Amino acid sequence: MISHKKRILVAGGIEGMGRQVALDLAAHPIELIIVGDNEQQGQALCQEIIANSSLTHDDLFYYPADLSSEANVRELARELKRDFSHIDAMIITEGHIYPKKTVTEAGLDRNMVANYFSHYWLIQQCRPLLEGGRILLPASHPRIVNRSKVNLPTEQKKGRYRAMDMARQALVARVLLMRYLNQPLKKQNITINVFNPRMSNRLSLFLTSQAGEHINTASHLALGDDVEGLSGQFFDEMKTVKLSKNYSLLKADEFYQWSKEQNRRR
């Protein structure tokens, strides 16, 4: 049976911002794919969506996946390619704040992995499924985005570890990733944008859980006909916001090469 419904994937969609995005999308007649790292929470969310929306079991798909390594993301992508021929939009809300410094088995800072590299890997691995589709990444309040230092991440000196500094570096990295990929993705007719979830003025967007507040910007950017073809933009309440000149294409290229080098070294 051929489905004519839009198929939307939310990566990191079982708590915080991702959960709100998934619940908001469920109000639309779509097929919804949710990726999360907690099977019990994921299945509970699916049951909640089925009980409170018009979506059925045939419209809803949950994939348990730990996105903290490139190998895990590659395996998830294999499963998605096995089960689907196309995804219309991918909203990556994966993220977490680790207050203490920890590293993955590959030696990468966990805050950078959760809030940036997982996004980088998902885009690389899922590109074949997204031809003609849309990619959305979370940013933050325009003031935070444009006042952040746009520099390559550096390891913090010994002493007190500042998790929020790493979260801010990851935020900058996501915006630069959007800037860099905007042009090459056009070859596959894929758009990529960042948006302000407006859940919190803090950087810890992924941990926020504000009842009753929906992330309408994300669902509109994923489904709206009026944003068809728009790419390389920063959206705040459905209005485009001018990025600081510090987010230059030169800096985006430098950051992308750094990302590839970090992966080659591990």
C-alpha atoms as a PDB file:
ATOM      1  CA  MET A   1       0.000   0.000   0.000  1.00  0.00           C
ATOM      2  CA  ILE A   2       1.434   3.370  -1.029  1.00  0.00           C
ATOM      3  CA  SER A   3       1.287   6.089   1.605  1.00  0.00           C
ATOM      4  CA  HIS A   4       0.729   9.698   0.578  1.00  0.00           C
ATOM      5  CA  LYS A   5       1.253  11.047   4.082  1.00  0.00           C
ATOM      6  CA  LYS A   6       4.353  13.066   4.908  1.00  0.00           C
ATOM      7  CA  ARG A   7       6.862  10.965   6.817  1.00  0.00           C
ATOM      8  CA  ILE A   8       8.667  12.872   9.577  1.00  0.00           C
ATOM      9  CA  LEU A   9      11.534  11.630  11.756  1.00  0.00           C
ATOM     10  CA  VAL A  10      12.256  13.118  15.181  1.00  0.00           C
ATOM     11  CA  ALA A  11      15.652  12.026  16.515  1.00  0.00           C
ATOM     12  CA  GLY A  12      15.788  12.386  20.289  1.00  0.00           C
ATOM     13  CA  GLY A  13      12.018  12.571  20.489  1.00  0.00           C
ATOM     14  CA  ILE A  14      11.126  11.029  23.844  1.00  0.00           C
ATOM     15  CA  GLU A  15      11.775  13.823  26.363  1.00  0.00           C
ATOM     16  CA  GLY A  16      12.238  17.567  26.654  1.00  0.00           C
ATOM     17  CA  MET A  17      12.150  19.458  23.390  1.00  0.00           C
ATOM     18  CA  GLY A  18      11.971  16.310  21.260  1.00  0.00           C
ATOM     19  CA  ARG A  19       8.906  15.042  23.088  1.00  0.00           C
ATOM     20  CA  GLN A  20       7.123  18.372  22.577  1.00  0.00           C
ATOM     21  CA  VAL A  21       8.010  18.330  18.882  1.00  0.00           C
ATOM     22  CA  ALA A  22       6.688  14.773  18.510  1.00  0.00           C
ATOM     23  CA  LEU A  23       3.425  15.605  20.288  1.00  0.00           C
ATOM     24  CA  ASP A  24       2.931  18.681  18.141  1.00  0.00           C
ATOM     25  CA  LEU A  25       3.573  16.751  14.924  1.00  0.00           C
ATOM     26  CA  ALA A  26       1.093  14.073  16.021  1.00  0.00           C
ATOM     27  CA  ALA A  27      -1.715  16.601  15.559  1.00  0.00           C
ATOM     28  CA  HIS A  28      -1.139  16.354  11.800  1.00  0.00           C
ATOM     29  CA  PRO A  29      -2.037  13.470   9.444  1.00  0.00           C
ATOM     30  CA  ILE A  30       1.489  12.163   8.993  1.00  0.00           C
ATOM     31  CA  GLU A  31       3.662   9.120   9.514  1.00  0.00           C
ATOM     32  CA  LEU A  32       5.863   9.772  12.538  1.00  0.00           C
ATOM     33  CA  ILE A  33       9.193   8.091  13.230  1.00  0.00           C
ATOM     34  CA  ILE A  34      10.564   8.616  16.734  1.00  0.00           C
ATOM     35  CA  VAL A  35      14.140   7.766  17.692  1.00  0.00           C
ATOM     36  CA  GLY A  36      15.116   7.603  21.359  1.00  0.00           C
ATOM     37  CA  ASP A  37      17.458   5.811  23.726  1.00  0.00           C
ATOM     38  CA  ASN A  38      14.889   4.552  26.224  1.00  0.00           C
ATOM     39  CA  GLU A  39      12.608   1.781  24.970  1.00  0.00           C
ATOM     40  CA  GLN A  40      10.134   2.069  27.849  1.00  0.00           C
ATOM     41  CA  GLN A  41       9.762   5.846  27.525  1.00  0.00           C
ATOM     42  CA  GLY A  42       9.535   5.589  23.762  1.00  0.00           C
ATOM     43  CA  GLN A  43       6.769   3.015  23.791  1.00  0.00           C
ATOM     44  CA  ALA A  44       4.886   4.989  26.460  1.00  0.00           C
ATOM     45  CA  LEU A  45       5.057   8.100  24.277  1.00  0.00           C
ATOM     46  CA  CYS A  46       3.756   6.150  21.290  1.00  0.00           C
ATOM     47  CA  GLN A  47       0.807   4.908  23.338  1.00  0.00           C
ATOM     48  CA  GLU A  48       0.114   8.465  24.511  1.00  0.00           C
ATOM     49  CA  ILE A  49       0.138   9.730  20.926  1.00  0.00           C
ATOM     50  CA  ILE A  50      -2.196   6.981  19.743  1.00  0.00           C
ATOM     51  CA  ALA A  51      -4.589   7.678  22.628  1.00  0.00           C
ATOM     52  CA  ASN A  52      -4.690  11.438  22.034  1.00  0.00           C
ATOM     53  CA  SER A  53      -4.398  11.903  18.280  1.00  0.00           C
ATOM     54  CA  SER A  54      -5.710  10.524  15.018  1.00  0.00           C
ATOM     55  CA  LEU A  55      -2.470   8.624  14.391  1.00  0.00           C
ATOM     56  CA  THR A  56      -2.681   4.833  14.521  1.00  0.00           C
ATOM     57  CA  HIS A  57      -0.148   2.056  14.999  1.00  0.00           C
ATOM     58  CA  ASP A  58       0.316   2.076  11.226  1.00  0.00           C
ATOM     59  CA  ASP A  59       1.372   5.738  11.341  1.00  0.00           C
ATOM     60  CA  LEU A  60       3.812   5.519  14.239  1.00  0.00           C
ATOM     61  CA  PHE A  61       7.268   3.936  14.375  1.00  0.00           C
ATOM     62  CA  TYR A  62       9.693   3.846  17.286  1.00  0.00           C
ATOM     63  CA  TYR A  63      13.390   3.000  16.936  1.00  0.00           C
ATOM     64  CA  PRO A  64      15.453   2.575  20.104  1.00  0.00           C
ATOM     65  CA  ALA A  65      18.950   3.877  19.423  1.00  0.00           C
ATOM     66  CA  ASP A  66      21.905   5.224  21.356  1.00  0.00           C
ATOM     67  CA  LEU A  67      23.283   8.019  19.180  1.00  0.00           C
ATOM     68  CA  SER A  68      26.495   8.473  21.153  1.00  0.00           C
ATOM     69  CA  SER A  69      28.678   6.764  18.548  1.00  0.00           C
ATOM     70  CA  GLU A  70      28.975   6.920  14.779  1.00  0.00           C
ATOM     71  CA  ALA A  71      28.684   3.127  14.599  1.00  0.00           C
ATOM     72  CA  ASN A  72      25.320   3.229  16.385  1.00  0.00           C
ATOM     73  CA  VAL A  73      24.053   5.965  14.073  1.00  0.00           C
ATOM     74  CA  ARG A  74      25.213   3.969  11.059  1.00  0.00           C
ATOM     75  CA  GLU A  75      23.276   0.935  12.315  1.00  0.00           C
ATOM     76  CA  LEU A  76      20.153   3.061  12.855  1.00  0.00           C
ATOM     77  CA  ALA A  77      20.461   4.408   9.310  1.00  0.00           C
ATOM     78  CA  ARG A  78      20.712   0.843   7.970  1.00  0.00           C
ATOM     79  CA  GLU A  79      17.461  -0.033   9.728  1.00  0.00           C
ATOM     80  CA  LEU A  80      15.725   3.087   8.415  1.00  0.00           C
ATOM     81  CA  LYS A  81      16.902   2.404   4.852  1.00  0.00           C
ATOM     82  CA  ARG A  82      15.637  -1.157   5.199  1.00  0.00           C
ATOM     83  CA  ASP A  83      12.187  -0.039   6.325  1.00  0.00           C
ATOM     84  CA  PHE A  84      11.638   3.190   4.356  1.00  0.00           C
ATOM     85  CA  SER A  85      12.403   4.407   0.856  1.00  0.00           C
ATOM     86  CA  HIS A  86      12.073   8.084   1.740  1.00  0.00           C
ATOM     87  CA  ILE A  87      11.757  10.485   4.684  1.00  0.00           C
ATOM     88  CA  ASP A  88      10.222  13.911   4.062  1.00  0.00           C
ATOM     89  CA  ALA A  89      11.764  15.710   7.022  1.00  0.00           C
ATOM     90  CA  MET A  90      14.226  14.959   9.805  1.00  0.00           C
ATOM     91  CA  ILE A  91      14.109  17.062  12.979  1.00  0.00           C
ATOM     92  CA  ILE A  92      17.140  16.382  15.160  1.00  0.00           C
ATOM     93  CA  THR A  93      16.418  17.227  18.776  1.00  0.00           C
ATOM     94  CA  GLU A  94      18.983  14.823  20.241  1.00  0.00           C
ATOM     95  CA  GLY A  95      20.845  16.435  23.104  1.00  0.00           C
ATOM     96  CA  HIS A  96      21.848  16.257  26.739  1.00  0.00           C
ATOM     97  CA  ILE A  97      23.901  18.244  29.238  1.00  0.00           C
ATOM     98  CA  TYR A  98      26.522  16.290  31.205  1.00  0.00           C
ATOM     99  CA  PRO A  99      27.606  18.415  34.201  1.00  0.00           C
ATOM    100  CA  LYS A 100      30.882  16.530  34.662  1.00  0.00           C
ATOM    101  CA  LYS A 101      33.495  15.929  31.994  1.00  0.00           C
ATOM    102  CA  THR A 102      33.151  12.481  30.456  1.00  0.00           C
ATOM    103  CA  VAL A 103      34.303  11.117  27.138  1.00  0.00           C
ATOM    104  CA  THR A 104      33.004   8.417  24.829  1.00  0.00           C
ATOM    105  CA  GLU A 105      34.941   5.261  23.962  1.00  0.00           C
ATOM    106  CA  ALA A 106      36.185   7.183  20.932  1.00  0.00           C
ATOM    107  CA  GLY A 107      37.581   9.898  23.200  1.00  0.00           C
ATOM    108  CA  LEU A 108      35.077  12.613  22.270  1.00  0.00           C
ATOM    109  CA  ASP A 109      33.566  14.939  24.872  1.00  0.00           C
ATOM    110  CA  ARG A 110      30.068  13.640  25.628  1.00  0.00           C
ATOM    111  CA  ASN A 111      28.505  17.093  25.552  1.00  0.00           C
ATOM    112  CA  MET A 112      29.851  17.657  22.039  1.00  0.00           C
ATOM    113  CA  VAL A 113      28.685  14.203  20.972  1.00  0.00           C
ATOM    114  CA  ALA A 114      25.174  14.572  22.374  1.00  0.00           C
ATOM    115  CA  ASN A 115      24.650  18.106  21.131  1.00  0.00           C
ATOM    116  CA  TYR A 116      26.618  18.201  17.895  1.00  0.00           C
ATOM    117  CA  PHE A 117      28.300  15.050  16.583  1.00  0.00           C
ATOM    118  CA  SER A 118      25.092  12.986  16.827  1.00  0.00           C
ATOM    119  CA  HIS A 119      23.480  15.577  14.523  1.00  0.00           C
ATOM    120  CA  TYR A 120      26.482  15.512  12.177  1.00  0.00           C
ATOM    121  CA  TRP A 121      26.405  11.703  11.967  1.00  0.00           C
ATOM    122  CA  LEU A 122      22.644  11.496  11.442  1.00  0.00           C
ATOM    123  CA  ILE A 123      22.770  13.897   8.511  1.00  0.00           C
ATOM    124  CA  GLN A 124      25.676  12.065   6.883  1.00  0.00           C
ATOM    125  CA  GLN A 125      24.071   8.646   7.232  1.00  0.00           C
ATOM    126  CA  CYS A 126      20.466   9.583   6.397  1.00  0.00           C
ATOM    127  CA  ARG A 127      21.102  11.828   3.387  1.00  0.00           C
ATOM    128  CA  PRO A 128      20.072   9.140   0.848  1.00  0.00           C
ATOM    129  CA  LEU A 129      16.620   8.930   2.465  1.00  0.00           C
ATOM    130  CA  LEU A 130      16.076  12.683   2.506  1.00  0.00           C
ATOM    131  CA  GLU A 131      16.304  13.579  -1.180  1.00  0.00           C
ATOM    132  CA  GLY A 132      13.785  16.355  -1.775  1.00  0.00           C
ATOM    133  CA  GLY A 133      13.234  16.611   1.982  1.00  0.00           C
ATOM    134  CA  ARG A 134      14.014  18.896   4.905  1.00  0.00           C
ATOM    135  CA  ILE A 135      16.489  18.883   7.791  1.00  0.00           C
ATOM    136  CA  LEU A 136      15.886  20.947  10.929  1.00  0.00           C
ATOM    137  CA  LEU A 137      18.333  21.586  13.757  1.00  0.00           C
ATOM    138  CA  PRO A 138      17.635  23.396  17.051  1.00  0.00           C
ATOM    139  CA  ALA A 139      19.410  26.653  17.805  1.00  0.00           C
ATOM    140  CA  SER A 140      18.499  28.986  20.676  1.00  0.00           C
ATOM    141  CA  HIS A 141      17.389  32.554  21.280  1.00  0.00           C
ATOM    142  CA  PRO A 142      18.818  34.864  18.561  1.00  0.00           C
ATOM    143  CA  ARG A 143      20.661  36.901  21.188  1.00  0.00           C
ATOM    144  CA  ILE A 144      22.449  33.793  22.471  1.00  0.00           C
ATOM    145  CA  VAL A 145      23.254  32.558  18.963  1.00  0.00           C
ATOM    146  CA  ASN A 146      24.631  35.843  17.690  1.00  0.00           C
ATOM    147  CA  ARG A 147      26.608  36.702  20.824  1.00  0.00           C
ATOM    148  CA  SER A 148      28.339  33.337  21.052  1.00  0.00           C
ATOM    149  CA  LYS A 149      32.014  33.124  20.150  1.00  0.00           C
ATOM    150  CA  VAL A 150      32.379  31.435  16.777  1.00  0.00           C
ATOM    151  CA  ASN A 151      35.626  29.549  17.320  1.00  0.00           C
ATOM    152  CA  LEU A 152      36.751  25.959  16.981  1.00  0.00           C
ATOM    153  CA  PRO A 153      36.072  23.979  20.174  1.00  0.00           C
ATOM    154  CA  THR A 154      39.022  23.740  22.509  1.00  0.00           C
ATOM    155  CA  GLU A 155      39.625  21.356  25.368  1.00  0.00           C
ATOM    156  CA  GLN A 156      39.058  23.035  28.694  1.00  0.00           C
ATOM    157  CA  LYS A 157      42.067  23.447  30.932  1.00  0.00           C
ATOM    158  CA  LYS A 158      42.351  21.321  34.034  1.00  0.00           C
ATOM    159  CA  GLY A 159      40.133  22.531  36.801  1.00  0.00           C
ATOM    160  CA  ARG A 160      36.417  23.119  36.913  1.00  0.00           C
ATOM    161  CA  TYR A 161      34.619  21.703  33.883  1.00  0.00           C
ATOM    162  CA  ARG A 162      32.037  24.092  32.414  1.00  0.00           C
ATOM    163  CA  ALA A 163      29.369  21.982  30.751  1.00  0.00           C
ATOM    164  CA  MET A 164      27.438  25.017  29.557  1.00  0.00           C
ATOM    165  CA  ASP A 165      30.510  26.283  27.715  1.00  0.00           C
ATOM    166  CA  MET A 166      30.595  23.006  25.794  1.00  0.00           C
ATOM    167  CA  ALA A 167      26.856  23.283  25.151  1.00  0.00           C
ATOM    168  CA  ARG A 168      27.396  26.747  23.703  1.00  0.00           C
ATOM    169  CA  GLN A 169      30.214  25.444  21.502  1.00  0.00           C
ATOM    170  CA  ALA A 170      27.884  22.696  20.288  1.00  0.00           C
ATOM    171  CA  LEU A 171      25.206  25.306  19.531  1.00  0.00           C
ATOM    172  CA  VAL A 172      27.691  27.265  17.416  1.00  0.00           C
ATOM    173  CA  ALA A 173      28.710  24.018  15.716  1.00  0.00           C
ATOM    174  CA  ARG A 174      25.118  23.212  14.713  1.00  0.00           C
ATOM    175  CA  VAL A 175      24.619  26.640  13.169  1.00  0.00           C
ATOM    176  CA  LEU A 176      27.890  26.344  11.253  1.00  0.00           C
ATOM    177  CA  LEU A 177      26.925  22.832  10.128  1.00  0.00           C
ATOM    178  CA  MET A 178      23.750  24.277   8.645  1.00  0.00           C
ATOM    179  CA  ARG A 179      25.756  27.033   6.954  1.00  0.00           C
ATOM    180  CA  TYR A 180      28.231  24.579   5.445  1.00  0.00           C
ATOM    181  CA  LEU A 181      25.731  21.944   4.267  1.00  0.00           C
ATOM    182  CA  ASN A 182      23.247  24.389   2.761  1.00  0.00           C
ATOM    183  CA  GLN A 183      24.975  24.451  -0.630  1.00  0.00           C
ATOM    184  CA  PRO A 184      25.995  20.771  -1.095  1.00  0.00           C
ATOM    185  CA  LEU A 185      22.564  19.528   0.023  1.00  0.00           C
ATOM    186  CA  LYS A 186      20.958  21.489  -2.814  1.00  0.00           C
ATOM    187  CA  LYS A 187      22.299  18.842  -5.209  1.00  0.00           C
ATOM    188  CA  GLN A 188      19.809  16.442  -3.614  1.00  0.00           C
ATOM    189  CA  ASN A 189      17.111  19.104  -3.290  1.00  0.00           C
ATOM    190  CA  ILE A 190      17.398  18.923   0.505  1.00  0.00           C
ATOM    191  CA  THR A 191      16.835  22.034   2.599  1.00  0.00           C
ATOM    192  CA  ILE A 192      18.456  22.598   5.982  1.00  0.00           C
ATOM    193  CA  ASN A 193      17.528  25.240   8.557  1.00  0.00           C
ATOM    194  CA  VAL A 194      17.946  25.985  12.260  1.00  0.00           C
ATOM    195  CA  PHE A 195      15.179  27.223  14.550  1.00  0.00           C
ATOM    196  CA  ASN A 196      14.663  28.676  18.000  1.00  0.00           C
ATOM    197  CA  PRO A 197      12.529  26.192  19.992  1.00  0.00           C
ATOM    198  CA  ARG A 198      11.558  28.996  22.414  1.00  0.00           C
ATOM    199  CA  MET A 199      11.375  26.570  25.316  1.00  0.00           C
ATOM    200  CA  SER A 200      13.926  28.325  27.478  1.00  0.00           C
ATOM    201  CA  ASN A 201      16.346  31.228  27.424  1.00  0.00           C
ATOM    202  CA  ARG A 202      19.013  28.838  28.641  1.00  0.00           C
ATOM    203  CA  LEU A 203      21.126  26.594  26.454  1.00  0.00           C
ATOM    204  CA  SER A 204      19.835  23.428  28.140  1.00  0.00           C
ATOM    205  CA  LEU A 205      16.912  23.213  25.735  1.00  0.00           C
ATOM    206  CA  PHE A 206      16.998  19.450  25.600  1.00  0.00           C
ATOM    207  CA  LEU A 207      16.239  19.115  29.304  1.00  0.00           C
ATOM    208  CA  THR A 208      13.362  21.569  29.397  1.00  0.00           C
ATOM    209  CA  SER A 209       9.898  20.143  29.969  1.00  0.00           C
ATOM    210  CA  GLN A 210       7.261  22.833  30.008  1.00  0.00           C
ATOM    211  CA  ALA A 211       3.761  21.391  29.963  1.00  0.00           C
ATOM    212  CA  GLY A 212       1.433  22.863  27.391  1.00  0.00           C
ATOM    213  CA  GLU A 213       4.148  24.592  25.368  1.00  0.00           C
ATOM    214  CA  HIS A 214       4.368  23.282  21.829  1.00  0.00           C
ATOM    215  CA  ILE A 215       7.134  23.684  19.339  1.00  0.00           C
ATOM    216  CA  ASN A 216       4.995  24.914  16.472  1.00  0.00           C
ATOM    217  CA  THR A 217       7.956  26.333  14.574  1.00  0.00           C
ATOM    218  CA  ALA A 218       9.467  22.872  14.098  1.00  0.00           C
ATOM    219  CA  SER A 219       6.251  21.273  12.828  1.00  0.00           C
ATOM    220  CA  HIS A 220       5.544  24.207  10.527  1.00  0.00           C
ATOM    221  CA  LEU A 221       9.046  24.128   9.066  1.00  0.00           C
ATOM    222  CA  ALA A 222       8.694  20.380   8.535  1.00  0.00           C
ATOM    223  CA  LEU A 223       5.251  20.490   6.923  1.00  0.00           C
ATOM    224  CA  GLY A 224       4.438  24.015   5.722  1.00  0.00           C
ATOM    225  CA  ASP A 225       4.085  24.680   1.997  1.00  0.00           C
ATOM    226  CA  ASP A 226       5.060  28.326   2.501  1.00  0.00           C
ATOM    227  CA  VAL A 227       8.614  27.362   3.495  1.00  0.00           C
ATOM    228  CA  GLU A 228       9.134  24.977   0.587  1.00  0.00           C
ATOM    229  CA  GLY A 229      12.614  25.513  -0.842  1.00  0.00           C
ATOM    230  CA  LEU A 230      13.809  27.870   1.916  1.00  0.00           C
ATOM    231  CA  SER A 231      17.233  26.798   3.134  1.00  0.00           C
ATOM    232  CA  GLY A 232      20.204  28.066   5.089  1.00  0.00           C
ATOM    233  CA  GLN A 233      17.973  30.149   7.370  1.00  0.00           C
ATOM    234  CA  PHE A 234      17.632  30.780  11.106  1.00  0.00           C
ATOM    235  CA  PHE A 235      13.962  30.881  12.130  1.00  0.00           C
ATOM    236  CA  ASP A 236      12.529  32.458  15.261  1.00  0.00           C
ATOM    237  CA  GLU A 237       8.711  32.355  15.568  1.00  0.00           C
ATOM    238  CA  MET A 238       8.531  31.670  11.807  1.00  0.00           C
ATOM    239  CA  LYS A 239      10.511  34.803  10.983  1.00  0.00           C
ATOM    240  CA  THR A 240      14.001  34.614   9.545  1.00  0.00           C
ATOM    241  CA  VAL A 241      16.728  36.095  11.709  1.00  0.00           C
ATOM    242  CA  LYS A 242      19.977  37.455  10.324  1.00  0.00           C
ATOM    243  CA  LEU A 243      22.977  35.588  11.651  1.00  0.00           C
ATOM    244  CA  SER A 244      26.052  37.381  12.901  1.00  0.00           C
ATOM    245  CA  LYS A 245      28.713  37.864  10.226  1.00  0.00           C
ATOM    246  CA  ASN A 246      30.914  35.667  12.426  1.00  0.00           C
ATOM    247  CA  TYR A 247      29.001  32.665  11.047  1.00  0.00           C
ATOM    248  CA  SER A 248      30.816  33.055   7.740  1.00  0.00           C
ATOM    249  CA  LEU A 249      31.107  30.378   5.076  1.00  0.00           C
ATOM    250  CA  LEU A 250      34.858  30.426   5.659  1.00  0.00           C
ATOM    251  CA  LYS A 251      34.335  29.655   9.346  1.00  0.00           C
ATOM    252  CA  ALA A 252      31.719  27.019   8.457  1.00  0.00           C
ATOM    253  CA  ASP A 253      34.180  25.283   6.135  1.00  0.00           C
ATOM    254  CA  GLU A 254      36.886  25.417   8.808  1.00  0.00           C
ATOM    255  CA  PHE A 255      34.499  23.891  11.335  1.00  0.00           C
ATOM    256  CA  TYR A 256      33.367  21.147   8.956  1.00  0.00           C
ATOM    257  CA  GLN A 257      36.963  20.150   8.225  1.00  0.00           C
ATOM    258  CA  TRP A 258      37.581  20.057  11.993  1.00  0.00           C
ATOM    259  CA  SER A 259      34.563  17.755  12.405  1.00  0.00           C
ATOM    260  CA  LYS A 260      35.875  15.345   9.777  1.00  0.00           C
ATOM    261  CA  GLU A 261      39.329  15.393  11.353  1.00  0.00           C
ATOM    262  CA  GLN A 262      37.898  14.601  14.801  1.00  0.00           C
ATOM    263  CA  ASN A 263      36.149  11.562  13.339  1.00  0.00           C
ATOM    264  CA  ARG A 264      39.223  10.372  11.434  1.00  0.00           C
ATOM    265  CA  ARG A 265      41.377  10.539  14.556  1.00  0.00           C
ATOM    266  CA  ARG A 266      39.109   8.298  16.620  1.00  0.00           C
END
